[in-house]
């Protein structure tokens, strides 16, 4: 029997601005589909209590985040884009190793995620409301978009970089805080898609 070689990382939950171990001893291990002796990632099998802690932390951060002007939130997405651009080859390699896509497909997915970030960052400059005709004199009618609050996001295994981006980026630029639950099949690259979530260098 071949021995297992760990080439990836042991991940933790990122809650309230810091890495936290799960409240249980259960872990999910993800092996390279092309070589089941290579352990790519070891991720927590988080519990309801972990989810409650993440939701509570997101709720505490919601008021401060919604107070940021939308263009400033958009600039944060541009920082995320620059971070991903610097690591795009590394993220594509990790995606191939963790999920099993060909390297060309992985590179295409990372590029798609970056395009989504670039487009959504620009929405920070176009985030606004509408003005409506008033029925009476000296009345000004308008609408203004407001954040929902805490948004729960679940991402699948098949596009673990791009789908977290296209869920997180619009929710964040609109002023919501988020809790992301990635697929246990692709926890490492979903973290890369979540931006600075894991060390993707």
C-alpha atoms as a PDB file:
ATOM      1  CA  UNK A   1       0.000   0.000   0.000  1.00  0.00           C
ATOM      2  CA  UNK A   2       1.323   3.431  -0.920  1.00  0.00           C
ATOM      3  CA  UNK A   3       1.873   5.984   1.813  1.00  0.00           C
ATOM      4  CA  UNK A   4      -0.008   9.267   1.806  1.00  0.00           C
ATOM      5  CA  UNK A   5       1.944  12.456   1.149  1.00  0.00           C
ATOM      6  CA  UNK A   6       0.350  15.734   2.252  1.00  0.00           C
ATOM      7  CA  UNK A   7       1.065  18.362  -0.383  1.00  0.00           C
ATOM      8  CA  UNK A   8      -1.679  20.803   0.555  1.00  0.00           C
ATOM      9  CA  UNK A   9      -2.913  22.473   3.688  1.00  0.00           C
ATOM     10  CA  UNK A  10      -4.976  21.865   6.770  1.00  0.00           C
ATOM     11  CA  UNK A  11      -7.676  24.507   6.629  1.00  0.00           C
ATOM     12  CA  UNK A  12      -9.599  26.181   9.442  1.00  0.00           C
ATOM     13  CA  UNK A  13     -12.762  28.266   9.531  1.00  0.00           C
ATOM     14  CA  UNK A  14     -12.289  32.003   9.008  1.00  0.00           C
ATOM     15  CA  UNK A  15     -14.741  33.574  11.460  1.00  0.00           C
ATOM     16  CA  UNK A  16     -14.753  37.076  12.955  1.00  0.00           C
ATOM     17  CA  UNK A  17     -11.471  38.021  11.282  1.00  0.00           C
ATOM     18  CA  UNK A  18      -9.410  35.078  12.480  1.00  0.00           C
ATOM     19  CA  UNK A  19      -8.753  31.407  11.785  1.00  0.00           C
ATOM     20  CA  UNK A  20     -10.647  29.138  14.141  1.00  0.00           C
ATOM     21  CA  UNK A  21     -10.609  25.375  14.575  1.00  0.00           C
ATOM     22  CA  UNK A  22     -13.969  23.622  14.201  1.00  0.00           C
ATOM     23  CA  UNK A  23     -16.052  22.725  17.239  1.00  0.00           C
ATOM     24  CA  UNK A  24     -15.839  19.031  16.314  1.00  0.00           C
ATOM     25  CA  UNK A  25     -12.980  16.632  15.659  1.00  0.00           C
ATOM     26  CA  UNK A  26     -14.297  15.681  12.229  1.00  0.00           C
ATOM     27  CA  UNK A  27     -12.281  16.489   9.121  1.00  0.00           C
ATOM     28  CA  UNK A  28     -12.697  15.996   5.379  1.00  0.00           C
ATOM     29  CA  UNK A  29      -9.672  14.955   3.357  1.00  0.00           C
ATOM     30  CA  UNK A  30      -9.392  15.725  -0.354  1.00  0.00           C
ATOM     31  CA  UNK A  31      -6.962  13.672  -2.429  1.00  0.00           C
ATOM     32  CA  UNK A  32      -5.621  14.388  -5.908  1.00  0.00           C
ATOM     33  CA  UNK A  33      -8.044  12.589  -8.282  1.00  0.00           C
ATOM     34  CA  UNK A  34      -5.077  11.560 -10.451  1.00  0.00           C
ATOM     35  CA  UNK A  35      -3.023  10.222  -7.526  1.00  0.00           C
ATOM     36  CA  UNK A  36      -4.835   9.142  -4.379  1.00  0.00           C
ATOM     37  CA  UNK A  37      -1.598   9.112  -2.387  1.00  0.00           C
ATOM     38  CA  UNK A  38      -1.418  12.927  -2.531  1.00  0.00           C
ATOM     39  CA  UNK A  39      -3.471  14.698   0.131  1.00  0.00           C
ATOM     40  CA  UNK A  40      -4.344  18.110  -1.318  1.00  0.00           C
ATOM     41  CA  UNK A  41      -6.413  19.552   1.513  1.00  0.00           C
ATOM     42  CA  UNK A  42      -7.745  18.696   4.938  1.00  0.00           C
ATOM     43  CA  UNK A  43     -10.777  20.768   5.872  1.00  0.00           C
ATOM     44  CA  UNK A  44     -13.043  20.926   8.929  1.00  0.00           C
ATOM     45  CA  UNK A  45     -16.361  19.132   8.826  1.00  0.00           C
ATOM     46  CA  UNK A  46     -18.017  22.080  10.494  1.00  0.00           C
ATOM     47  CA  UNK A  47     -21.014  21.845  12.775  1.00  0.00           C
ATOM     48  CA  UNK A  48     -24.160  23.889  13.362  1.00  0.00           C
ATOM     49  CA  UNK A  49     -22.320  25.702  16.134  1.00  0.00           C
ATOM     50  CA  UNK A  50     -19.582  26.744  13.694  1.00  0.00           C
ATOM     51  CA  UNK A  51     -22.272  28.053  11.342  1.00  0.00           C
ATOM     52  CA  UNK A  52     -23.960  29.951  14.193  1.00  0.00           C
ATOM     53  CA  UNK A  53     -20.650  31.571  15.126  1.00  0.00           C
ATOM     54  CA  UNK A  54     -20.019  32.605  11.513  1.00  0.00           C
ATOM     55  CA  UNK A  55     -23.522  34.055  11.132  1.00  0.00           C
ATOM     56  CA  UNK A  56     -23.226  35.961  14.411  1.00  0.00           C
ATOM     57  CA  UNK A  57     -19.862  37.423  13.367  1.00  0.00           C
ATOM     58  CA  UNK A  58     -21.265  38.466   9.981  1.00  0.00           C
ATOM     59  CA  UNK A  59     -24.229  40.096  11.719  1.00  0.00           C
ATOM     60  CA  UNK A  60     -21.899  42.072  14.012  1.00  0.00           C
ATOM     61  CA  UNK A  61     -19.958  43.340  10.986  1.00  0.00           C
ATOM     62  CA  UNK A  62     -23.043  44.186   8.915  1.00  0.00           C
ATOM     63  CA  UNK A  63     -23.671  47.758  10.106  1.00  0.00           C
ATOM     64  CA  UNK A  64     -20.085  48.863   9.586  1.00  0.00           C
ATOM     65  CA  UNK A  65     -19.855  47.218   6.162  1.00  0.00           C
ATOM     66  CA  UNK A  66     -23.133  48.674   4.887  1.00  0.00           C
ATOM     67  CA  UNK A  67     -21.912  52.143   5.923  1.00  0.00           C
ATOM     68  CA  UNK A  68     -18.984  51.930   3.485  1.00  0.00           C
ATOM     69  CA  UNK A  69     -19.761  53.824   0.257  1.00  0.00           C
ATOM     70  CA  UNK A  70     -20.406  51.468  -2.662  1.00  0.00           C
ATOM     71  CA  UNK A  71     -17.406  52.793  -4.695  1.00  0.00           C
ATOM     72  CA  UNK A  72     -15.141  51.986  -1.746  1.00  0.00           C
ATOM     73  CA  UNK A  73     -16.562  48.460  -1.573  1.00  0.00           C
ATOM     74  CA  UNK A  74     -15.867  48.195  -5.308  1.00  0.00           C
ATOM     75  CA  UNK A  75     -12.233  49.191  -4.762  1.00  0.00           C
ATOM     76  CA  UNK A  76     -11.891  46.348  -2.274  1.00  0.00           C
ATOM     77  CA  UNK A  77     -12.992  43.968  -5.042  1.00  0.00           C
ATOM     78  CA  UNK A  78     -10.274  45.440  -7.255  1.00  0.00           C
ATOM     79  CA  UNK A  79      -7.744  44.615  -4.524  1.00  0.00           C
ATOM     80  CA  UNK A  80      -9.124  41.064  -4.519  1.00  0.00           C
ATOM     81  CA  UNK A  81      -8.726  40.972  -8.322  1.00  0.00           C
ATOM     82  CA  UNK A  82      -5.079  42.074  -8.067  1.00  0.00           C
ATOM     83  CA  UNK A  83      -4.461  39.411  -5.407  1.00  0.00           C
ATOM     84  CA  UNK A  84      -5.933  36.726  -7.646  1.00  0.00           C
ATOM     85  CA  UNK A  85      -4.077  37.967 -10.729  1.00  0.00           C
ATOM     86  CA  UNK A  86      -0.745  37.619  -8.909  1.00  0.00           C
ATOM     87  CA  UNK A  87      -1.593  33.997  -8.040  1.00  0.00           C
ATOM     88  CA  UNK A  88      -3.618  32.894 -11.077  1.00  0.00           C
ATOM     89  CA  UNK A  89      -1.175  30.184 -12.206  1.00  0.00           C
ATOM     90  CA  UNK A  90      -0.851  28.783  -8.693  1.00  0.00           C
ATOM     91  CA  UNK A  91      -4.644  28.776  -8.210  1.00  0.00           C
ATOM     92  CA  UNK A  92      -5.145  27.020 -11.566  1.00  0.00           C
ATOM     93  CA  UNK A  93      -2.622  24.347 -10.575  1.00  0.00           C
ATOM     94  CA  UNK A  94      -4.324  23.842  -7.217  1.00  0.00           C
ATOM     95  CA  UNK A  95      -7.692  23.564  -8.937  1.00  0.00           C
ATOM     96  CA  UNK A  96      -6.423  20.848 -11.277  1.00  0.00           C
ATOM     97  CA  UNK A  97      -4.857  19.007  -8.384  1.00  0.00           C
ATOM     98  CA  UNK A  98      -7.878  19.242  -6.085  1.00  0.00           C
ATOM     99  CA  UNK A  99     -10.793  18.880  -8.520  1.00  0.00           C
ATOM    100  CA  UNK A 100      -9.315  17.155 -11.570  1.00  0.00           C
ATOM    101  CA  UNK A 101      -9.983  19.670 -14.362  1.00  0.00           C
ATOM    102  CA  UNK A 102      -7.399  19.912 -17.096  1.00  0.00           C
ATOM    103  CA  UNK A 103      -4.966  22.751 -16.525  1.00  0.00           C
ATOM    104  CA  UNK A 104      -6.380  24.691 -19.498  1.00  0.00           C
ATOM    105  CA  UNK A 105      -9.892  24.447 -18.055  1.00  0.00           C
ATOM    106  CA  UNK A 106      -8.639  25.479 -14.619  1.00  0.00           C
ATOM    107  CA  UNK A 107      -6.856  28.514 -16.064  1.00  0.00           C
ATOM    108  CA  UNK A 108     -10.058  29.422 -17.903  1.00  0.00           C
ATOM    109  CA  UNK A 109     -12.076  29.226 -14.703  1.00  0.00           C
ATOM    110  CA  UNK A 110      -9.631  31.465 -12.839  1.00  0.00           C
ATOM    111  CA  UNK A 111      -9.793  33.969 -15.716  1.00  0.00           C
ATOM    112  CA  UNK A 112     -13.595  33.871 -15.541  1.00  0.00           C
ATOM    113  CA  UNK A 113     -13.485  34.579 -11.809  1.00  0.00           C
ATOM    114  CA  UNK A 114     -11.190  37.542 -12.446  1.00  0.00           C
ATOM    115  CA  UNK A 115     -13.533  38.891 -15.137  1.00  0.00           C
ATOM    116  CA  UNK A 116     -16.466  38.645 -12.726  1.00  0.00           C
ATOM    117  CA  UNK A 117     -14.495  40.562 -10.104  1.00  0.00           C
ATOM    118  CA  UNK A 118     -13.531  43.296 -12.556  1.00  0.00           C
ATOM    119  CA  UNK A 119     -17.117  43.740 -13.767  1.00  0.00           C
ATOM    120  CA  UNK A 120     -18.663  43.632 -10.297  1.00  0.00           C
ATOM    121  CA  UNK A 121     -16.135  46.086  -8.854  1.00  0.00           C
ATOM    122  CA  UNK A 122     -17.379  48.611 -11.410  1.00  0.00           C
ATOM    123  CA  UNK A 123     -20.922  48.142 -10.102  1.00  0.00           C
ATOM    124  CA  UNK A 124     -19.820  50.038  -7.017  1.00  0.00           C
ATOM    125  CA  UNK A 125     -19.865  53.169  -9.201  1.00  0.00           C
ATOM    126  CA  UNK A 126     -23.292  52.372 -10.644  1.00  0.00           C
ATOM    127  CA  UNK A 127     -25.003  51.300  -7.447  1.00  0.00           C
ATOM    128  CA  UNK A 128     -27.908  53.619  -6.888  1.00  0.00           C
ATOM    129  CA  UNK A 129     -31.635  54.102  -7.119  1.00  0.00           C
ATOM    130  CA  UNK A 130     -34.193  55.697  -9.407  1.00  0.00           C
ATOM    131  CA  UNK A 131     -36.126  58.953  -9.472  1.00  0.00           C
ATOM    132  CA  UNK A 132     -39.887  58.721 -10.129  1.00  0.00           C
ATOM    133  CA  UNK A 133     -42.430  61.316 -11.261  1.00  0.00           C
ATOM    134  CA  UNK A 134     -44.322  62.757  -8.282  1.00  0.00           C
ATOM    135  CA  UNK A 135     -48.097  63.130  -8.203  1.00  0.00           C
ATOM    136  CA  UNK A 136     -47.948  66.396  -6.251  1.00  0.00           C
ATOM    137  CA  UNK A 137     -45.947  69.606  -6.415  1.00  0.00           C
ATOM    138  CA  UNK A 138     -42.797  69.997  -4.318  1.00  0.00           C
ATOM    139  CA  UNK A 139     -42.550  66.224  -3.773  1.00  0.00           C
ATOM    140  CA  UNK A 140     -39.438  64.274  -4.709  1.00  0.00           C
ATOM    141  CA  UNK A 141     -39.886  60.505  -5.176  1.00  0.00           C
ATOM    142  CA  UNK A 142     -36.944  58.167  -5.402  1.00  0.00           C
ATOM    143  CA  UNK A 143     -35.808  54.638  -4.580  1.00  0.00           C
ATOM    144  CA  UNK A 144     -32.516  53.636  -3.004  1.00  0.00           C
ATOM    145  CA  UNK A 145     -31.042  50.134  -2.825  1.00  0.00           C
ATOM    146  CA  UNK A 146     -30.366  48.798   0.662  1.00  0.00           C
ATOM    147  CA  UNK A 147     -28.353  45.736   1.722  1.00  0.00           C
ATOM    148  CA  UNK A 148     -30.236  42.677   2.916  1.00  0.00           C
ATOM    149  CA  UNK A 149     -27.815  42.010   5.785  1.00  0.00           C
ATOM    150  CA  UNK A 150     -26.145  38.611   6.230  1.00  0.00           C
ATOM    151  CA  UNK A 151     -26.192  36.450   3.106  1.00  0.00           C
ATOM    152  CA  UNK A 152     -25.616  32.682   3.231  1.00  0.00           C
ATOM    153  CA  UNK A 153     -23.814  31.266   0.187  1.00  0.00           C
ATOM    154  CA  UNK A 154     -23.333  27.610  -0.720  1.00  0.00           C
ATOM    155  CA  UNK A 155     -20.976  26.789  -3.581  1.00  0.00           C
ATOM    156  CA  UNK A 156     -20.679  23.474  -5.477  1.00  0.00           C
ATOM    157  CA  UNK A 157     -17.621  21.480  -6.469  1.00  0.00           C
ATOM    158  CA  UNK A 158     -17.718  21.951 -10.238  1.00  0.00           C
ATOM    159  CA  UNK A 159     -16.567  25.615 -10.411  1.00  0.00           C
ATOM    160  CA  UNK A 160     -14.996  26.097  -6.977  1.00  0.00           C
ATOM    161  CA  UNK A 161     -13.124  29.302  -7.846  1.00  0.00           C
ATOM    162  CA  UNK A 162     -15.601  31.081 -10.118  1.00  0.00           C
ATOM    163  CA  UNK A 163     -18.866  30.342  -8.297  1.00  0.00           C
ATOM    164  CA  UNK A 164     -17.766  31.678  -4.889  1.00  0.00           C
ATOM    165  CA  UNK A 165     -16.626  34.841  -6.689  1.00  0.00           C
ATOM    166  CA  UNK A 166     -19.879  35.354  -8.565  1.00  0.00           C
ATOM    167  CA  UNK A 167     -21.836  34.840  -5.341  1.00  0.00           C
ATOM    168  CA  UNK A 168     -19.610  36.847  -3.002  1.00  0.00           C
ATOM    169  CA  UNK A 169     -18.666  39.807  -5.186  1.00  0.00           C
ATOM    170  CA  UNK A 170     -22.202  41.105  -5.961  1.00  0.00           C
ATOM    171  CA  UNK A 171     -23.361  40.514  -2.386  1.00  0.00           C
ATOM    172  CA  UNK A 172     -20.369  42.392  -0.965  1.00  0.00           C
ATOM    173  CA  UNK A 173     -20.477  45.337  -3.367  1.00  0.00           C
ATOM    174  CA  UNK A 174     -24.184  45.717  -2.524  1.00  0.00           C
ATOM    175  CA  UNK A 175     -23.261  46.093   1.161  1.00  0.00           C
ATOM    176  CA  UNK A 176     -24.070  42.655   2.545  1.00  0.00           C
ATOM    177  CA  UNK A 177     -21.884  40.519   4.766  1.00  0.00           C
ATOM    178  CA  UNK A 178     -21.534  36.860   3.794  1.00  0.00           C
ATOM    179  CA  UNK A 179     -21.076  33.372   5.151  1.00  0.00           C
ATOM    180  CA  UNK A 180     -19.670  30.989   2.531  1.00  0.00           C
ATOM    181  CA  UNK A 181     -20.058  27.214   2.799  1.00  0.00           C
ATOM    182  CA  UNK A 182     -17.958  25.566   0.053  1.00  0.00           C
ATOM    183  CA  UNK A 183     -18.243  22.003  -1.188  1.00  0.00           C
ATOM    184  CA  UNK A 184     -16.229  19.519   0.903  1.00  0.00           C
ATOM    185  CA  UNK A 185     -14.808  18.237  -2.394  1.00  0.00           C
ATOM    186  CA  UNK A 186     -13.020  21.518  -3.161  1.00  0.00           C
ATOM    187  CA  UNK A 187     -12.378  23.422   0.072  1.00  0.00           C
ATOM    188  CA  UNK A 188      -8.909  24.682  -0.854  1.00  0.00           C
ATOM    189  CA  UNK A 189      -9.690  26.263  -4.206  1.00  0.00           C
ATOM    190  CA  UNK A 190     -13.045  27.567  -2.939  1.00  0.00           C
ATOM    191  CA  UNK A 191     -10.982  29.421  -0.367  1.00  0.00           C
ATOM    192  CA  UNK A 192      -8.852  30.898  -3.144  1.00  0.00           C
ATOM    193  CA  UNK A 193     -12.077  31.938  -4.870  1.00  0.00           C
ATOM    194  CA  UNK A 194     -13.178  33.615  -1.657  1.00  0.00           C
ATOM    195  CA  UNK A 195     -10.082  35.814  -1.742  1.00  0.00           C
ATOM    196  CA  UNK A 196      -7.263  35.618   0.818  1.00  0.00           C
ATOM    197  CA  UNK A 197      -9.148  32.832   2.537  1.00  0.00           C
ATOM    198  CA  UNK A 198      -6.203  30.430   2.266  1.00  0.00           C
ATOM    199  CA  UNK A 199      -2.565  30.685   1.337  1.00  0.00           C
ATOM    200  CA  UNK A 200      -2.747  30.165  -2.416  1.00  0.00           C
ATOM    201  CA  UNK A 201       0.877  31.136  -3.021  1.00  0.00           C
END
